C-alpha atoms as a PDB file:
ATOM      1  CA  MET A   1       0.007  -0.019  -0.009  1.00  0.00           C
ATOM      2  CA  THR A   2       1.172   3.473  -0.817  1.00  0.00           C
ATOM      3  CA  GLU A   3       1.203   6.297   1.718  1.00  0.00           C
ATOM      4  CA  ALA A   4      -1.605   8.025  -0.239  1.00  0.00           C
ATOM      5  CA  ALA A   5      -3.781   4.935   0.045  1.00  0.00           C
ATOM      6  CA  GLU A   6      -3.135   4.669   3.760  1.00  0.00           C
ATOM      7  CA  ALA A   7      -4.177   8.387   4.227  1.00  0.00           C
ATOM      8  CA  VAL A   8      -7.526   7.938   2.469  1.00  0.00           C
ATOM      9  CA  PRO A   9      -9.422   6.060   5.206  1.00  0.00           C
ATOM     10  CA  GLU A  10      -8.761   8.774   7.718  1.00  0.00           C
ATOM     11  CA  ASP A  11     -10.098  11.383   5.300  1.00  0.00           C
ATOM     12  CA  LEU A  12     -13.128   9.229   4.548  1.00  0.00           C
ATOM     13  CA  GLU A  13     -13.912   8.736   8.212  1.00  0.00           C
ATOM     14  CA  PHE A  14     -13.720  12.450   8.739  1.00  0.00           C
ATOM     15  CA  LEU A  15     -16.009  13.099   5.809  1.00  0.00           C
ATOM     16  CA  ARG A  16     -18.478  10.349   6.794  1.00  0.00           C
ATOM     17  CA  ALA A  17     -18.599  11.674  10.354  1.00  0.00           C
ATOM     18  CA  LYS A  18     -19.279  15.178   9.071  1.00  0.00           C
ATOM     19  CA  LEU A  19     -21.866  13.740   6.644  1.00  0.00           C
ATOM     20  CA  ARG A  20     -23.685  12.003   9.461  1.00  0.00           C
ATOM     21  CA  ASP A  21     -23.703  15.202  11.505  1.00  0.00           C
ATOM     22  CA  LEU A  22     -25.061  17.191   8.550  1.00  0.00           C
ATOM     23  CA  LYS A  23     -27.711  14.588   7.872  1.00  0.00           C
ATOM     24  CA  THR A  24     -28.744  14.559  11.488  1.00  0.00           C
ATOM     25  CA  GLN A  25     -28.960  18.359  11.450  1.00  0.00           C
ATOM     26  CA  ALA A  26     -30.843  18.238   8.124  1.00  0.00           C
ATOM     27  CA  ARG A  27     -33.396  15.790   9.477  1.00  0.00           C
ATOM     28  CA  THR A  28     -33.836  17.908  12.562  1.00  0.00           C
ATOM     29  CA  ASP A  29     -34.232  21.062  10.466  1.00  0.00           C
ATOM     30  CA  LEU A  30     -36.570  19.241   8.090  1.00  0.00           C
ATOM     31  CA  GLU A  31     -38.901  18.240  10.948  1.00  0.00           C
ATOM     32  CA  GLN A  32     -38.800  21.819  12.233  1.00  0.00           C
ATOM     33  CA  LEU A  33     -39.513  23.117   8.760  1.00  0.00           C
ATOM     34  CA  ARG A  34     -42.525  20.793   8.454  1.00  0.00           C
ATOM     35  CA  ARG A  35     -43.831  22.036  11.864  1.00  0.00           C
ATOM     36  CA  ASP A  36     -43.278  25.637  10.833  1.00  0.00           C
ATOM     37  CA  ARG A  37     -44.993  25.002   7.515  1.00  0.00           C
ATOM     38  CA  ASP A  38     -47.982  23.337   9.270  1.00  0.00           C
ATOM     39  CA  LYS A  39     -48.264  26.375  11.512  1.00  0.00           C
ATOM     40  CA  MET A  40     -48.030  28.674   8.530  1.00  0.00           C
ATOM     41  CA  ARG A  41     -50.794  26.749   6.755  1.00  0.00           C
ATOM     42  CA  GLU A  42     -52.919  26.803   9.933  1.00  0.00           C
ATOM     43  CA  TYR A  43     -52.806  30.602  10.022  1.00  0.00           C
ATOM     44  CA  LYS A  44     -53.356  30.783   6.300  1.00  0.00           C
ATOM     45  CA  THR A  45     -56.456  28.634   6.689  1.00  0.00           C
ATOM     46  CA  ILE A  46     -57.749  30.845   9.545  1.00  0.00           C
ATOM     47  CA  ARG A  47     -57.017  33.952   7.470  1.00  0.00           C
ATOM     48  CA  ASP A  48     -58.802  32.593   4.407  1.00  0.00           C
ATOM     49  CA  GLU A  49     -61.831  31.454   6.395  1.00  0.00           C
ATOM     50  CA  HIS A  50     -62.143  34.819   8.154  1.00  0.00           C
ATOM     51  CA  ASN A  51     -61.702  36.675   4.886  1.00  0.00           C
ATOM     52  CA  LYS A  52     -64.445  34.523   3.432  1.00  0.00           C
ATOM     53  CA  GLU A  53     -66.662  35.526   6.360  1.00  0.00           C
ATOM     54  CA  VAL A  54     -65.694  39.172   5.819  1.00  0.00           C
ATOM     55  CA  ARG A  55     -66.692  39.004   2.175  1.00  0.00           C
ATOM     56  CA  SER A  56     -69.996  37.281   3.047  1.00  0.00           C
ATOM     57  CA  LEU A  57     -70.801  39.914   5.726  1.00  0.00           C
ATOM     58  CA  ILE A  58     -69.883  42.735   3.368  1.00  0.00           C
ATOM     59  CA  GLU A  59     -72.323  41.298   0.808  1.00  0.00           C
ATOM     60  CA  SER A  60     -74.964  41.071   3.503  1.00  0.00           C
ATOM     61  CA  VAL A  61     -74.391  44.667   4.600  1.00  0.00           C
ATOM     62  CA  LYS A  62     -74.504  45.720   0.937  1.00  0.00           C
ATOM     63  CA  ALA A  63     -77.764  43.895   0.367  1.00  0.00           C
ATOM     64  CA  GLU A  64     -79.315  45.370   3.567  1.00  0.00           C
ATOM     65  CA  ARG A  65     -78.217  48.868   2.676  1.00  0.00           C
ATOM     66  CA  GLU A  66     -79.566  48.563  -0.910  1.00  0.00           C
ATOM     67  CA  GLU A  67     -82.900  47.357   0.392  1.00  0.00           C
ATOM     68  CA  ARG A  68     -82.954  50.069   3.055  1.00  0.00           C
ATOM     69  CA  ASP A  69     -82.116  52.734   0.463  1.00  0.00           C
ATOM     70  CA  ARG A  70     -84.824  51.417  -1.847  1.00  0.00           C
ATOM     71  CA  ILE A  71     -87.420  51.648   0.950  1.00  0.00           C
ATOM     72  CA  ASN A  72     -86.142  55.108   1.922  1.00  0.00           C
ATOM     73  CA  ALA A  73     -86.696  56.185  -1.660  1.00  0.00           C
ATOM     74  CA  GLU A  74     -90.306  54.995  -1.372  1.00  0.00           C
ATOM     75  CA  ILE A  75     -90.606  56.833   1.940  1.00  0.00           C
ATOM     76  CA  ILE A  76     -89.464  60.044   0.333  1.00  0.00           C
ATOM     77  CA  GLU A  77     -91.991  59.488  -2.522  1.00  0.00           C
ATOM     78  CA  ALA A  78     -94.788  58.831  -0.003  1.00  0.00           C
ATOM     79  CA  LYS A  79     -93.857  61.857   2.092  1.00  0.00           C
ATOM     80  CA  ASP A  80     -93.825  64.082  -1.044  1.00  0.00           C
ATOM     81  CA  LYS A  81     -97.244  62.752  -1.907  1.00  0.00           C
ATOM     82  CA  ARG A  82     -98.492  63.400   1.642  1.00  0.00           C
ATOM     83  CA  THR A  83     -97.044  66.951   1.579  1.00  0.00           C
ATOM     84  CA  ALA A  84     -98.703  67.622  -1.758  1.00  0.00           C
ATOM     85  CA  ILE A  85    -102.044  66.371  -0.421  1.00  0.00           C
ATOM     86  CA  HIS A  86    -101.730  68.519   2.670  1.00  0.00           C
ATOM     87  CA  ALA A  87    -100.979  71.571   0.512  1.00  0.00           C
ATOM     88  CA  GLN A  88    -104.054  70.791  -1.654  1.00  0.00           C
ATOM     89  CA  LEU A  89    -106.184  70.188   1.466  1.00  0.00           C
ATOM     90  CA  LYS A  90    -105.088  73.562   2.892  1.00  0.00           C
ATOM     91  CA  SER A  91    -106.078  75.232  -0.322  1.00  0.00           C
ATOM     92  CA  VAL A  92    -109.543  73.543  -0.151  1.00  0.00           C
ATOM     93  CA  TYR A  93    -110.060  74.649   3.431  1.00  0.00           C
ATOM     94  CA  ASP A  94    -108.996  78.184   2.591  1.00  0.00           C
ATOM     95  CA  GLU A  95    -111.578  78.303  -0.210  1.00  0.00           C
ATOM     96  CA  ILE A  96    -114.275  76.933   2.121  1.00  0.00           C
ATOM     97  CA  ARG A  97    -113.505  79.594   4.699  1.00  0.00           C
ATOM     98  CA  GLU A  98    -113.567  82.284   2.012  1.00  0.00           C
ATOM     99  CA  LEU A  99    -116.992  81.109   0.697  1.00  0.00           C
ATOM    100  CA  ARG A 100    -118.359  80.951   4.232  1.00  0.00           C
ATOM    101  CA  GLY A 101    -117.287  84.502   4.835  1.00  0.00           C
ATOM    102  CA  ARG A 102    -119.164  85.633   1.756  1.00  0.00           C
ATOM    103  CA  ILE A 103    -122.496  83.831   2.599  1.00  0.00           C
ATOM    104  CA  VAL A 104    -125.141  86.087   4.200  1.00  0.00           C
ATOM    105  CA  GLY A 105    -127.805  84.394   6.341  1.00  0.00           C
ATOM    106  CA  SER A 106    -129.342  81.030   5.560  1.00  0.00           C
ATOM    107  CA  PRO A 107    -130.164  80.906   1.909  1.00  0.00           C
ATOM    108  CA  SER A 108    -132.789  78.196   2.143  1.00  0.00           C
ATOM    109  CA  THR A 109    -134.758  79.895   5.051  1.00  0.00           C
ATOM    110  CA  ASP A 110    -134.697  83.395   3.566  1.00  0.00           C
ATOM    111  CA  GLN A 111    -135.628  82.036   0.162  1.00  0.00           C
ATOM    112  CA  ARG A 112    -138.726  80.300   1.532  1.00  0.00           C
ATOM    113  CA  ARG A 113    -139.761  83.381   3.498  1.00  0.00           C
ATOM    114  CA  MET A 114    -139.327  85.721   0.552  1.00  0.00           C
ATOM    115  CA  MET A 115    -141.178  83.416  -1.790  1.00  0.00           C
ATOM    116  CA  ARG A 116    -144.122  83.335   0.598  1.00  0.00           C
ATOM    117  CA  THR A 117    -144.063  87.168   0.677  1.00  0.00           C
ATOM    118  CA  VAL A 118    -144.027  87.309  -3.117  1.00  0.00           C
ATOM    119  CA  GLU A 119    -146.983  84.874  -3.215  1.00  0.00           C
ATOM    120  CA  GLU A 120    -148.908  87.011  -0.759  1.00  0.00           C
ATOM    121  CA  LEU A 121    -148.182  90.206  -2.669  1.00  0.00           C
ATOM    122  CA  GLU A 122    -149.204  88.606  -5.919  1.00  0.00           C
ATOM    123  CA  TRP A 123    -152.369  87.284  -4.268  1.00  0.00           C
ATOM    124  CA  ARG A 124    -153.266  90.777  -3.054  1.00  0.00           C
ATOM    125  CA  GLN A 125    -152.508  92.135  -6.476  1.00  0.00           C
ATOM    126  CA  GLN A 126    -154.901  89.638  -8.019  1.00  0.00           C
ATOM    127  CA  THR A 127    -157.673  89.684  -5.455  1.00  0.00           C
ATOM    128  CA  GLU A 128    -157.770  93.170  -3.971  1.00  0.00           C
ATOM    129  CA  GLN A 129    -158.861  96.427  -5.455  1.00  0.00           C
ATOM    130  CA  LEU A 130    -155.764  98.485  -5.237  1.00  0.00           C
ATOM    131  CA  THR A 131    -155.019 102.042  -6.023  1.00  0.00           C
ATOM    132  CA  MET A 132    -152.354 102.922  -8.531  1.00  0.00           C
ATOM    133  CA  ASP A 133    -149.922 103.831  -5.757  1.00  0.00           C
ATOM    134  CA  GLU A 134    -150.621 100.574  -3.915  1.00  0.00           C
ATOM    135  CA  GLU A 135    -150.272  98.603  -7.121  1.00  0.00           C
ATOM    136  CA  ARG A 136    -147.004 100.357  -7.859  1.00  0.00           C
ATOM    137  CA  ARG A 137    -145.715  99.697  -4.369  1.00  0.00           C
ATOM    138  CA  ILE A 138    -146.607  95.945  -4.596  1.00  0.00           C
ATOM    139  CA  VAL A 139    -144.872  95.664  -7.979  1.00  0.00           C
ATOM    140  CA  GLU A 140    -141.800  97.415  -6.612  1.00  0.00           C
ATOM    141  CA  GLU A 141    -141.826  95.174  -3.545  1.00  0.00           C
ATOM    142  CA  ILE A 142    -142.133  92.036  -5.659  1.00  0.00           C
ATOM    143  CA  ALA A 143    -139.271  93.244  -7.881  1.00  0.00           C
ATOM    144  CA  LYS A 144    -137.149  93.978  -4.828  1.00  0.00           C
ATOM    145  CA  ILE A 145    -137.828  90.542  -3.356  1.00  0.00           C
ATOM    146  CA  GLU A 146    -137.090  88.851  -6.633  1.00  0.00           C
ATOM    147  CA  ALA A 147    -133.792  90.718  -6.822  1.00  0.00           C
ATOM    148  CA  GLN A 148    -132.988  89.404  -3.381  1.00  0.00           C
ATOM    149  CA  LEU A 149    -134.034  85.878  -4.482  1.00  0.00           C
ATOM    150  CA  VAL A 150    -131.467  86.145  -7.305  1.00  0.00           C
ATOM    151  CA  LYS A 151    -128.786  86.914  -4.708  1.00  0.00           C
ATOM    152  CA  ILE A 152    -130.025  84.067  -2.544  1.00  0.00           C
ATOM    153  CA  GLY A 153    -129.641  81.786  -5.570  1.00  0.00           C
ATOM    154  CA  GLN A 154    -126.041  82.892  -5.818  1.00  0.00           C
ATOM    155  CA  GLU A 155    -125.550  82.065  -2.138  1.00  0.00           C
ATOM    156  CA  LYS A 156    -126.943  78.595  -2.882  1.00  0.00           C
ATOM    157  CA  GLU A 157    -124.231  78.122  -5.522  1.00  0.00           C
ATOM    158  CA  LYS A 158    -121.696  78.962  -2.829  1.00  0.00           C
ATOM    159  CA  GLN A 159    -123.215  76.457  -0.545  1.00  0.00           C
ATOM    160  CA  ASP A 160    -123.074  73.829  -3.254  1.00  0.00           C
ATOM    161  CA  ARG A 161    -119.455  74.680  -3.889  1.00  0.00           C
ATOM    162  CA  ILE A 162    -118.710  74.390  -0.178  1.00  0.00           C
ATOM    163  CA  SER A 163    -120.350  70.970  -0.099  1.00  0.00           C
ATOM    164  CA  GLU A 164    -118.323  69.908  -3.101  1.00  0.00           C
ATOM    165  CA  LEU A 165    -115.138  71.190  -1.465  1.00  0.00           C
ATOM    166  CA  ARG A 166    -115.984  69.325   1.703  1.00  0.00           C
ATOM    167  CA  ARG A 167    -116.344  66.037  -0.175  1.00  0.00           C
ATOM    168  CA  LEU A 168    -112.973  66.755  -1.879  1.00  0.00           C
ATOM    169  CA  ALA A 169    -111.411  67.539   1.556  1.00  0.00           C
ATOM    170  CA  ARG A 170    -112.670  64.212   2.988  1.00  0.00           C
ATOM    171  CA  ARG A 171    -111.193  62.336  -0.016  1.00  0.00           C
ATOM    172  CA  LEU A 172    -107.878  64.184   0.319  1.00  0.00           C
ATOM    173  CA  LYS A 173    -107.752  63.491   4.065  1.00  0.00           C
ATOM    174  CA  ASP A 174    -108.218  59.794   3.326  1.00  0.00           C
ATOM    175  CA  GLU A 175    -105.409  59.917   0.753  1.00  0.00           C
ATOM    176  CA  ALA A 176    -103.206  61.814   3.203  1.00  0.00           C
ATOM    177  CA  THR A 177    -103.901  59.241   5.927  1.00  0.00           C
ATOM    178  CA  GLU A 178    -103.058  56.456   3.503  1.00  0.00           C
ATOM    179  CA  ALA A 179     -99.794  58.135   2.501  1.00  0.00           C
ATOM    180  CA  HIS A 180     -98.901  58.781   6.120  1.00  0.00           C
ATOM    181  CA  GLN A 181     -99.634  55.153   7.052  1.00  0.00           C
ATOM    182  CA  LYS A 182     -97.418  54.032   4.127  1.00  0.00           C
ATOM    183  CA  VAL A 183     -94.628  56.296   5.461  1.00  0.00           C
ATOM    184  CA  LEU A 184     -94.931  54.638   8.892  1.00  0.00           C
ATOM    185  CA  THR A 185     -94.959  51.114   7.499  1.00  0.00           C
ATOM    186  CA  LEU A 186     -91.996  51.780   5.179  1.00  0.00           C
ATOM    187  CA  SER A 187     -90.109  53.480   8.087  1.00  0.00           C
ATOM    188  CA  GLU A 188     -90.497  50.345  10.161  1.00  0.00           C
ATOM    189  CA  GLN A 189     -89.222  48.218   7.301  1.00  0.00           C
ATOM    190  CA  SER A 190     -86.300  50.555   6.750  1.00  0.00           C
ATOM    191  CA  GLN A 191     -85.447  50.494  10.431  1.00  0.00           C
ATOM    192  CA  VAL A 192     -85.387  46.669  10.324  1.00  0.00           C
ATOM    193  CA  HIS A 193     -82.739  46.717   7.587  1.00  0.00           C
ATOM    194  CA  HIS A 194     -80.857  49.506   9.342  1.00  0.00           C
ATOM    195  CA  GLN A 195     -80.757  47.527  12.601  1.00  0.00           C
ATOM    196  CA  GLU A 196     -79.467  44.527  10.645  1.00  0.00           C
ATOM    197  CA  VAL A 197     -76.612  46.634   9.266  1.00  0.00           C
ATOM    198  CA  VAL A 198     -75.896  47.837  12.807  1.00  0.00           C
ATOM    199  CA  ARG A 199     -75.949  44.227  14.068  1.00  0.00           C
ATOM    200  CA  ILE A 200     -73.619  42.970  11.314  1.00  0.00           C
ATOM    201  CA  ARG A 201     -71.049  45.742  11.567  1.00  0.00           C
ATOM    202  CA  PRO A 202     -69.408  44.562  14.845  1.00  0.00           C
ATOM    203  CA  GLN A 203     -69.138  41.016  13.494  1.00  0.00           C
ATOM    204  CA  LEU A 204     -67.582  42.373  10.275  1.00  0.00           C
ATOM    205  CA  GLU A 205     -65.038  44.419  12.221  1.00  0.00           C
ATOM    206  CA  GLN A 206     -64.210  41.416  14.446  1.00  0.00           C
ATOM    207  CA  TYR A 207     -63.635  39.153  11.501  1.00  0.00           C
ATOM    208  CA  LYS A 208     -61.486  41.824   9.838  1.00  0.00           C
ATOM    209  CA  LYS A 209     -59.283  42.067  12.951  1.00  0.00           C
ATOM    210  CA  SER A 210     -59.036  38.314  13.206  1.00  0.00           C
ATOM    211  CA  ALA A 211     -58.171  38.003   9.504  1.00  0.00           C
ATOM    212  CA  ASP A 212     -55.492  40.727   9.835  1.00  0.00           C
ATOM    213  CA  ALA A 213     -54.018  39.061  12.919  1.00  0.00           C
ATOM    214  CA  ALA A 214     -53.986  35.667  11.183  1.00  0.00           C
ATOM    215  CA  HIS A 215     -52.369  37.220   8.107  1.00  0.00           C
ATOM    216  CA  GLN A 216     -49.695  38.820  10.333  1.00  0.00           C
ATOM    217  CA  ASN A 217     -48.961  35.444  11.918  1.00  0.00           C
ATOM    218  CA  PHE A 218     -48.952  33.831   8.470  1.00  0.00           C
ATOM    219  CA  VAL A 219     -46.339  36.366   7.276  1.00  0.00           C
ATOM    220  CA  GLU A 220     -44.165  35.657  10.351  1.00  0.00           C
ATOM    221  CA  TRP A 221     -44.336  31.942   9.900  1.00  0.00           C
ATOM    222  CA  LEU A 222     -43.810  32.273   6.147  1.00  0.00           C
ATOM    223  CA  LYS A 223     -40.534  34.071   6.905  1.00  0.00           C
ATOM    224  CA  LYS A 224     -39.547  31.228   9.272  1.00  0.00           C
ATOM    225  CA  VAL A 225     -40.415  28.703   6.542  1.00  0.00           C
ATOM    226  CA  LYS A 226     -38.338  30.548   3.961  1.00  0.00           C
ATOM    227  CA  ASP A 227     -35.401  30.821   6.388  1.00  0.00           C
ATOM    228  CA  GLY A 228     -35.767  27.130   7.123  1.00  0.00           C
ATOM    229  CA  GLU A 229     -35.813  26.260   3.437  1.00  0.00           C
ATOM    230  CA  THR A 230     -32.729  28.381   2.803  1.00  0.00           C
ATOM    231  CA  LYS A 231     -30.940  26.699   5.735  1.00  0.00           C
ATOM    232  CA  LEU A 232     -31.957  23.285   4.549  1.00  0.00           C
ATOM    233  CA  LYS A 233     -30.891  24.096   1.030  1.00  0.00           C
ATOM    234  CA  ASP A 234     -27.462  25.061   2.322  1.00  0.00           C
ATOM    235  CA  LEU A 235     -27.283  21.787   4.279  1.00  0.00           C
ATOM    236  CA  ARG A 236     -28.301  19.905   1.151  1.00  0.00           C
ATOM    237  CA  THR A 237     -25.528  21.641  -0.761  1.00  0.00           C
ATOM    238  CA  GLN A 238     -22.978  20.702   1.918  1.00  0.00           C
ATOM    239  CA  ILE A 239     -24.258  17.146   1.950  1.00  0.00           C
ATOM    240  CA  ASP A 240     -24.035  16.847  -1.815  1.00  0.00           C
ATOM    241  CA  ASP A 241     -20.556  18.337  -1.718  1.00  0.00           C
ATOM    242  CA  ILE A 242     -19.393  15.799   0.874  1.00  0.00           C
ATOM    243  CA  HIS A 243     -20.985  12.999  -1.106  1.00  0.00           C
ATOM    244  CA  SER A 244     -18.959  14.153  -4.118  1.00  0.00           C
ATOM    245  CA  LYS A 245     -15.831  14.223  -2.021  1.00  0.00           C
ATOM    246  CA  ILE A 246     -16.514  10.795  -0.605  1.00  0.00           C
ATOM    247  CA  ARG A 247     -17.175   9.358  -4.053  1.00  0.00           C
ATOM    248  CA  LYS A 248     -13.949  10.916  -5.338  1.00  0.00           C
ATOM    249  CA  GLN A 249     -12.056   9.513  -2.320  1.00  0.00           C
ATOM    250  CA  MET A 250     -13.529   6.093  -2.913  1.00  0.00           C
ATOM    251  CA  VAL A 251     -12.686   6.170  -6.598  1.00  0.00           C
ATOM    252  CA  ASP A 252      -9.137   7.322  -5.841  1.00  0.00           C
ATOM    253  CA  LYS A 253      -8.777   4.626  -3.172  1.00  0.00           C
ATOM    254  CA  ARG A 254     -10.073   1.912  -5.466  1.00  0.00           C
ATOM    255  CA  GLU A 255      -7.777   3.054  -8.257  1.00  0.00           C
ATOM    256  CA  THR A 256      -4.800   3.089  -5.875  1.00  0.00           C
ATOM    257  CA  GLU A 257      -5.708  -0.372  -4.568  1.00  0.00           C
ATOM    258  CA  LYS A 258      -6.130  -1.580  -8.129  1.00  0.00           C
ATOM    259  CA  VAL A 259      -2.690  -0.296  -9.089  1.00  0.00           C
ATOM    260  CA  ASP A 260      -1.225  -1.871  -5.940  1.00  0.00           C
ATOM    261  CA  ARG A 261      -2.882  -5.225  -6.653  1.00  0.00           C
ATOM    262  CA  ARG A 262      -1.637  -5.209 -10.254  1.00  0.00           C
ATOM    263  CA  ALA A 263       1.890  -4.373  -9.081  1.00  0.00           C
ATOM    264  CA  GLN A 264       1.677  -7.146  -6.501  1.00  0.00           C
ATOM    265  CA  GLN A 265       0.327  -9.573  -9.092  1.00  0.00           C
ATOM    266  CA  ARG A 266       3.123  -8.658 -11.500  1.00  0.00           C
ATOM    267  CA  GLU A 267       5.671  -9.066  -8.752  1.00  0.00           C
ATOM    268  CA  GLN A 268       4.226 -12.532  -7.815  1.00  0.00           C
ATOM    269  CA  GLU A 269       4.126 -13.559 -11.470  1.00  0.00           C
ATOM    270  CA  LYS A 270       7.722 -12.444 -11.895  1.00  0.00           C
ATOM    271  CA  GLU A 271       8.791 -14.455  -8.847  1.00  0.00           C
ATOM    272  CA  ARG A 272       6.969 -17.548 -10.158  1.00  0.00           C
ATOM    273  CA  ALA A 273       8.483 -16.991 -13.619  1.00  0.00           C
ATOM    274  CA  ASP A 274      11.991 -16.635 -12.164  1.00  0.00           C
ATOM    275  CA  VAL A 275      11.517 -19.863 -10.199  1.00  0.00           C
ATOM    276  CA  ALA A 276      10.265 -21.662 -13.294  1.00  0.00           C
ATOM    277  CA  VAL A 277      13.164 -20.362 -15.454  1.00  0.00           C
ATOM    278  CA  GLU A 278      15.653 -21.280 -12.732  1.00  0.00           C
ATOM    279  CA  LYS A 279      14.203 -24.826 -12.555  1.00  0.00           C
ATOM    280  CA  MET A 280      14.263 -25.180 -16.320  1.00  0.00           C
ATOM    281  CA  GLN A 281      17.867 -23.957 -16.561  1.00  0.00           C
ATOM    282  CA  SER A 282      18.938 -26.255 -13.747  1.00  0.00           C
ATOM    283  CA  GLY A 283      17.177 -29.241 -15.298  1.00  0.00           C
ATOM    284  CA  LYS A 284      14.685 -29.634 -12.438  1.00  0.00           C
ATOM    285  CA  ARG A 285      11.212 -31.113 -12.963  1.00  0.00           C
ATOM    286  CA  LEU A 286       8.588 -28.551 -13.944  1.00  0.00           C
ATOM    287  CA  THR A 287       4.879 -28.619 -13.699  1.00  0.00           C
ATOM    288  CA  PHE A 288       2.914 -27.900 -16.821  1.00  0.00           C
ATOM    289  CA  ASP A 289       2.051 -24.394 -15.684  1.00  0.00           C
ATOM    290  CA  GLU A 290       5.677 -23.695 -14.727  1.00  0.00           C
ATOM    291  CA  PHE A 291       6.750 -25.007 -18.099  1.00  0.00           C
ATOM    292  CA  ILE A 292       4.349 -22.700 -19.961  1.00  0.00           C
ATOM    293  CA  LEU A 293       5.377 -19.780 -17.765  1.00  0.00           C
ATOM    294  CA  ALA A 294       9.120 -20.428 -18.344  1.00  0.00           C
ATOM    295  CA  GLN A 295       8.606 -20.732 -22.111  1.00  0.00           C
ATOM    296  CA  ARG A 296       6.717 -17.458 -22.157  1.00  0.00           C
ATOM    297  CA  VAL A 297       9.494 -15.707 -20.273  1.00  0.00           C
ATOM    298  CA  VAL A 298      12.167 -17.079 -22.624  1.00  0.00           C
ATOM    299  CA  SER A 299      10.065 -16.167 -25.691  1.00  0.00           C
ATOM    300  CA  ASP A 300       9.442 -12.622 -24.358  1.00  0.00           C
ATOM    301  CA  ASP A 301      13.168 -12.171 -23.619  1.00  0.00           C
ATOM    302  CA  LYS A 302      14.015 -13.090 -27.231  1.00  0.00           C
ATOM    303  CA  LYS A 303      11.410 -10.705 -28.657  1.00  0.00           C
ATOM    304  CA  ARG A 304      12.175  -7.780 -26.340  1.00  0.00           C
ATOM    305  CA  PRO A 305      15.071  -5.542 -27.537  1.00  0.00           C
ATOM    306  CA  ARG A 306      17.802  -5.162 -25.077  1.00  0.00           C
ATOM    307  CA  ARG A 307      17.638  -1.989 -23.084  1.00  0.00           C
ATOM    308  CA  LYS A 308      20.292  -0.105 -21.322  1.00  0.00           C
ATOM    309  CA  PRO A 309      20.753  -0.958 -17.673  1.00  0.00           C
ATOM    310  CA  SER A 310      19.445   2.470 -16.756  1.00  0.00           C
ATOM    311  CA  GLU A 311      16.288   1.893 -18.727  1.00  0.00           C
ATOM    312  CA  GLU A 312      15.765  -1.574 -17.227  1.00  0.00           C
ATOM    313  CA  SER A 313      16.250  -0.297 -13.727  1.00  0.00           C
ATOM    314  CA  ALA A 314      13.954   2.695 -14.263  1.00  0.00           C
ATOM    315  CA  GLY A 315      10.950   0.721 -15.442  1.00  0.00           C
ATOM    316  CA  ALA A 316       7.757   2.139 -16.994  1.00  0.00           C
ATOM    317  CA  PRO A 317       4.621   3.101 -15.027  1.00  0.00           C
ATOM    318  CA  GLU A 318       1.682   0.770 -15.435  1.00  0.00           C
ATOM    319  CA  ASN A 319      -1.350   2.379 -17.135  1.00  0.00           C
ATOM    320  CA  VAL A 320      -4.769   2.257 -15.281  1.00  0.00           C
ATOM    321  CA  ASP A 321      -7.797   0.725 -16.862  1.00  0.00           C
ATOM    322  CA  GLU A 322      -9.155   3.062 -19.548  1.00  0.00           C
ATOM    323  CA  ASP A 323     -12.693   1.903 -19.099  1.00  0.00           C
ATOM    324  CA  GLU A 324     -13.151   4.305 -16.194  1.00  0.00           C
ATOM    325  CA  ALA A 325     -16.764   5.085 -16.880  1.00  0.00           C
ATOM    326  CA  ALA A 326     -17.774   1.438 -16.751  1.00  0.00           C
ATOM    327  CA  PHE A 327     -15.726   1.012 -13.621  1.00  0.00           C
ATOM    328  CA  GLU A 328     -17.316   4.014 -11.877  1.00  0.00           C
ATOM    329  CA  GLU A 329     -20.749   2.657 -12.561  1.00  0.00           C
ATOM    330  CA  SER A 330     -19.831  -0.486 -10.646  1.00  0.00           C
ATOM    331  CA  LEU A 331     -18.527   1.488  -7.644  1.00  0.00           C
ATOM    332  CA  GLU A 332     -20.565   1.090  -4.572  1.00  0.00           C
ATOM    333  CA  GLU A 333     -21.902   4.276  -3.060  1.00  0.00           C
ATOM    334  CA  PRO A 334     -20.875   5.208   0.472  1.00  0.00           C
ATOM    335  CA  ASP A 335     -23.177   3.992   3.225  1.00  0.00           C
ATOM    336  CA  GLU A 336     -24.433   7.492   3.810  1.00  0.00           C
ATOM    337  CA  GLU A 337     -26.613   8.324   0.792  1.00  0.00           C
ATOM    338  CA  PRO A 338     -28.206  11.795   0.207  1.00  0.00           C
ATOM    339  CA  LEU A 339     -31.623  12.437   1.709  1.00  0.00           C
ATOM    340  CA  THR A 340     -34.252  11.094  -0.661  1.00  0.00           C
ATOM    341  CA  GLU A 341     -36.970  13.628   0.196  1.00  0.00           C
ATOM    342  CA  ASP A 342     -36.806  16.777  -1.823  1.00  0.00           C
ATOM    343  CA  HIS A 343     -37.217  18.906   1.218  1.00  0.00           C
ATOM    344  CA  VAL A 344     -36.334  22.213  -0.431  1.00  0.00           C
ATOM    345  CA  GLU A 345     -39.057  21.924  -3.088  1.00  0.00           C
ATOM    346  CA  GLU A 346     -42.024  21.339  -0.786  1.00  0.00           C
ATOM    347  CA  GLU A 347     -45.128  23.370  -1.489  1.00  0.00           C
ATOM    348  CA  LYS A 348     -44.946  27.047  -0.523  1.00  0.00           C
ATOM    349  CA  GLN A 349     -48.101  28.597   0.634  1.00  0.00           C
END
C-alpha cells in the first residue's frame, strides 16, 4: 500500500462523520420546517376562512343597505305625496273659509220666506182692489224681493261649492292618511334593515381584525419557513458536496488499490516466472504451468530488444484501466446516501 492509500481512510472517516452530522442536522431542520409549515398553513387557513366571512358579511351589509335605500326612496316619495295632499287640502279649506265668509244668512230659510211674501203680494194684487200707488208699491216690492231671491240663488251656488269642497277635503284626508300610514310602514321596514346593518357591523369588524391578525402570523411563519428552506438548502448543498468528495475519495482509493494489486500480481508472477526459469535452466522437474510460464519468459526475452541498464532499472509506469466510466458505474456508493426527500421543493403557501 502506498502512503496516499493509507491516508484515504482517515479522510473518509472524517467526511463520513461530518456527513452523518449534517444529515442529523438536516433531518432535525426538516422536521422543524414541516412544523413551521404546518403552523403557517394553519394561520393561512384561519385567514382565508375569516376573509371569506368578511366577504360574506360585506355582501350582507351591501344587500341590507340597498334594500334600506330602496325603501327610503319609497318613503321620500310617500312623504312628497302626503305633503302635496296637505298643501291641496289647505287650499280647499282656505276656499271653504272664504266662501263661508261671503255667505249672508241662511239661503234656504230666507228664500222660503221671501217666496211666501211674493206669493202674498201677488195674491193681493190679483184679489184686492188696489189704487195705483198701492199697485205700484206691490210691484216694486215684488221686484225687490225677486232681486234678493237672485242673490239668494247665488248664495246657494256658494253652498253647493262648499259641499263639493268638503267632499274633496274628505277624500284628500283619506289619501293623506293612507300616504302617512305608508310612510310609517316603510319606516318600520327601513329600520329593520338599518338595525341589521348595525348588528352585522361589529361582526364584520371582528372578522377583519381576526383575519388581519392571522395574516400577520402567516407572514411571520412564512418568513420562518423561507429561512428554514434556505438553511435546509445550504445543508443539502454541503451534503451533496461531501458526497462528491466521498465518491472521489472512494474512486481514488479503489484506483490506488487496483494499481497496488496489479503491481503485486506482477511481482508474484515475476517471482513464479523466475523460479520456473531457474528450474528449467537447472534441469529440475517442472509442472505444466511452470513450463508454460518459463517458455513465455524465454520467448518474451528473445522478442524484447535489449535496453540499457538504466532503462531496465527505471521501469515504465503501469497504465490504469481506460474503461473508467464502466468501472465508476460499478462502484458502490458510500453507506451514507443523500436524503431522498426533496425537502427544499415542498409546497410554498
